[in-house]
């Protein structure tokens, strides 16, 4: 992965983490936290969505949607662990 790919991954991760924080109210981790949540969410969605049979295609918008879905799943799981 080149420098441009790394920067794009960080931007997508930050955006996905922020969107997930807006969808799952009560979670704000700051810029670094949002990047981490978005990137971990992307890996989580990359594992779960194909197993369920969901494909989103390719491109920047699909990557953001994909990462956001994974980040929302991650935040919901975190909420269940914290309250449970």
C-alpha atoms as a PDB file:
ATOM      1  CA  UNK A   1       0.000   0.000   0.000  1.00  0.00           C
ATOM      2  CA  UNK A   2       1.454   3.312  -1.051  1.00  0.00           C
ATOM      3  CA  UNK A   3       1.219   6.633   0.718  1.00  0.00           C
ATOM      4  CA  UNK A   4      -1.943   7.609  -1.126  1.00  0.00           C
ATOM      5  CA  UNK A   5      -3.666   4.347  -0.219  1.00  0.00           C
ATOM      6  CA  UNK A   6      -2.753   4.774   3.419  1.00  0.00           C
ATOM      7  CA  UNK A   7      -4.089   8.319   3.500  1.00  0.00           C
ATOM      8  CA  UNK A   8      -7.316   7.242   1.791  1.00  0.00           C
ATOM      9  CA  UNK A   9      -7.715   4.386   4.283  1.00  0.00           C
ATOM     10  CA  UNK A  10      -7.308   6.793   7.181  1.00  0.00           C
ATOM     11  CA  UNK A  11      -9.823   9.233   5.686  1.00  0.00           C
ATOM     12  CA  UNK A  12     -12.344   6.465   5.016  1.00  0.00           C
ATOM     13  CA  UNK A  13     -11.787   5.083   8.523  1.00  0.00           C
ATOM     14  CA  UNK A  14     -12.293   8.489  10.119  1.00  0.00           C
ATOM     15  CA  UNK A  15     -15.433   9.155   8.087  1.00  0.00           C
ATOM     16  CA  UNK A  16     -16.874   5.700   8.783  1.00  0.00           C
ATOM     17  CA  UNK A  17     -16.102   5.996  12.492  1.00  0.00           C
ATOM     18  CA  UNK A  18     -17.732   9.421  12.657  1.00  0.00           C
ATOM     19  CA  UNK A  19     -20.821   8.214  10.761  1.00  0.00           C
ATOM     20  CA  UNK A  20     -21.108   5.178  13.037  1.00  0.00           C
ATOM     21  CA  UNK A  21     -20.843   7.468  16.068  1.00  0.00           C
ATOM     22  CA  UNK A  22     -23.722   9.518  14.682  1.00  0.00           C
ATOM     23  CA  UNK A  23     -25.828   6.421  14.029  1.00  0.00           C
ATOM     24  CA  UNK A  24     -25.091   4.801  17.402  1.00  0.00           C
ATOM     25  CA  UNK A  25     -25.693   7.742  19.721  1.00  0.00           C
ATOM     26  CA  UNK A  26     -23.544   8.238  22.768  1.00  0.00           C
ATOM     27  CA  UNK A  27     -20.210   7.217  21.284  1.00  0.00           C
ATOM     28  CA  UNK A  28     -17.590   9.759  20.336  1.00  0.00           C
ATOM     29  CA  UNK A  29     -13.960   8.713  20.408  1.00  0.00           C
ATOM     30  CA  UNK A  30     -12.302  11.746  18.823  1.00  0.00           C
ATOM     31  CA  UNK A  31     -10.422  11.726  15.546  1.00  0.00           C
ATOM     32  CA  UNK A  32      -7.953   8.937  16.361  1.00  0.00           C
ATOM     33  CA  UNK A  33     -10.658   6.827  17.984  1.00  0.00           C
ATOM     34  CA  UNK A  34     -12.954   7.295  14.989  1.00  0.00           C
ATOM     35  CA  UNK A  35     -10.170   6.212  12.631  1.00  0.00           C
ATOM     36  CA  UNK A  36      -9.538   3.099  14.718  1.00  0.00           C
ATOM     37  CA  UNK A  37     -13.257   2.266  14.965  1.00  0.00           C
ATOM     38  CA  UNK A  38     -13.673   2.782  11.208  1.00  0.00           C
ATOM     39  CA  UNK A  39     -10.690   0.620  10.272  1.00  0.00           C
ATOM     40  CA  UNK A  40     -11.586  -2.160  12.718  1.00  0.00           C
ATOM     41  CA  UNK A  41     -15.171  -1.884  11.492  1.00  0.00           C
ATOM     42  CA  UNK A  42     -13.992  -2.307   7.906  1.00  0.00           C
ATOM     43  CA  UNK A  43     -12.191  -5.522   8.836  1.00  0.00           C
ATOM     44  CA  UNK A  44     -15.229  -6.715  10.797  1.00  0.00           C
ATOM     45  CA  UNK A  45     -17.570  -5.985   7.895  1.00  0.00           C
ATOM     46  CA  UNK A  46     -15.124  -7.626   5.476  1.00  0.00           C
ATOM     47  CA  UNK A  47     -15.476 -10.787   7.499  1.00  0.00           C
ATOM     48  CA  UNK A  48     -19.222 -10.691   8.299  1.00  0.00           C
ATOM     49  CA  UNK A  49     -20.867  -9.286   5.151  1.00  0.00           C
ATOM     50  CA  UNK A  50     -19.489 -11.840   2.652  1.00  0.00           C
ATOM     51  CA  UNK A  51     -20.402 -14.664   5.052  1.00  0.00           C
ATOM     52  CA  UNK A  52     -23.995 -13.409   4.989  1.00  0.00           C
ATOM     53  CA  UNK A  53     -23.893 -13.005   1.204  1.00  0.00           C
ATOM     54  CA  UNK A  54     -23.898  -9.188   1.026  1.00  0.00           C
ATOM     55  CA  UNK A  55     -21.645  -7.482  -1.522  1.00  0.00           C
ATOM     56  CA  UNK A  56     -21.490  -3.736  -1.980  1.00  0.00           C
ATOM     57  CA  UNK A  57     -19.292  -3.463  -5.052  1.00  0.00           C
ATOM     58  CA  UNK A  58     -16.174  -1.375  -5.428  1.00  0.00           C
ATOM     59  CA  UNK A  59     -15.311   2.272  -5.182  1.00  0.00           C
ATOM     60  CA  UNK A  60     -14.978   4.968  -2.568  1.00  0.00           C
ATOM     61  CA  UNK A  61     -18.677   5.170  -1.652  1.00  0.00           C
ATOM     62  CA  UNK A  62     -18.927   1.398  -1.276  1.00  0.00           C
ATOM     63  CA  UNK A  63     -15.838   1.428   0.949  1.00  0.00           C
ATOM     64  CA  UNK A  64     -17.356   4.113   3.184  1.00  0.00           C
ATOM     65  CA  UNK A  65     -20.672   2.255   3.441  1.00  0.00           C
ATOM     66  CA  UNK A  66     -18.868  -1.027   4.078  1.00  0.00           C
ATOM     67  CA  UNK A  67     -16.691   0.478   6.810  1.00  0.00           C
ATOM     68  CA  UNK A  68     -19.632   2.296   8.386  1.00  0.00           C
ATOM     69  CA  UNK A  69     -21.675  -0.905   8.627  1.00  0.00           C
ATOM     70  CA  UNK A  70     -18.765  -2.642  10.314  1.00  0.00           C
ATOM     71  CA  UNK A  71     -18.153   0.291  12.653  1.00  0.00           C
ATOM     72  CA  UNK A  72     -21.838   0.345  13.673  1.00  0.00           C
ATOM     73  CA  UNK A  73     -21.668  -3.380  14.414  1.00  0.00           C
ATOM     74  CA  UNK A  74     -18.511  -2.771  16.457  1.00  0.00           C
ATOM     75  CA  UNK A  75     -20.075   0.082  18.439  1.00  0.00           C
ATOM     76  CA  UNK A  76     -23.214  -1.946  19.168  1.00  0.00           C
ATOM     77  CA  UNK A  77     -21.047  -4.825  20.394  1.00  0.00           C
ATOM     78  CA  UNK A  78     -19.047  -2.406  22.565  1.00  0.00           C
ATOM     79  CA  UNK A  79     -22.279  -1.027  24.020  1.00  0.00           C
ATOM     80  CA  UNK A  80     -23.490  -4.555  24.834  1.00  0.00           C
ATOM     81  CA  UNK A  81     -20.201  -5.413  26.545  1.00  0.00           C
ATOM     82  CA  UNK A  82     -20.138  -2.201  28.589  1.00  0.00           C
ATOM     83  CA  UNK A  83     -23.732  -2.453  29.783  1.00  0.00           C
ATOM     84  CA  UNK A  84     -23.790  -6.234  30.136  1.00  0.00           C
END
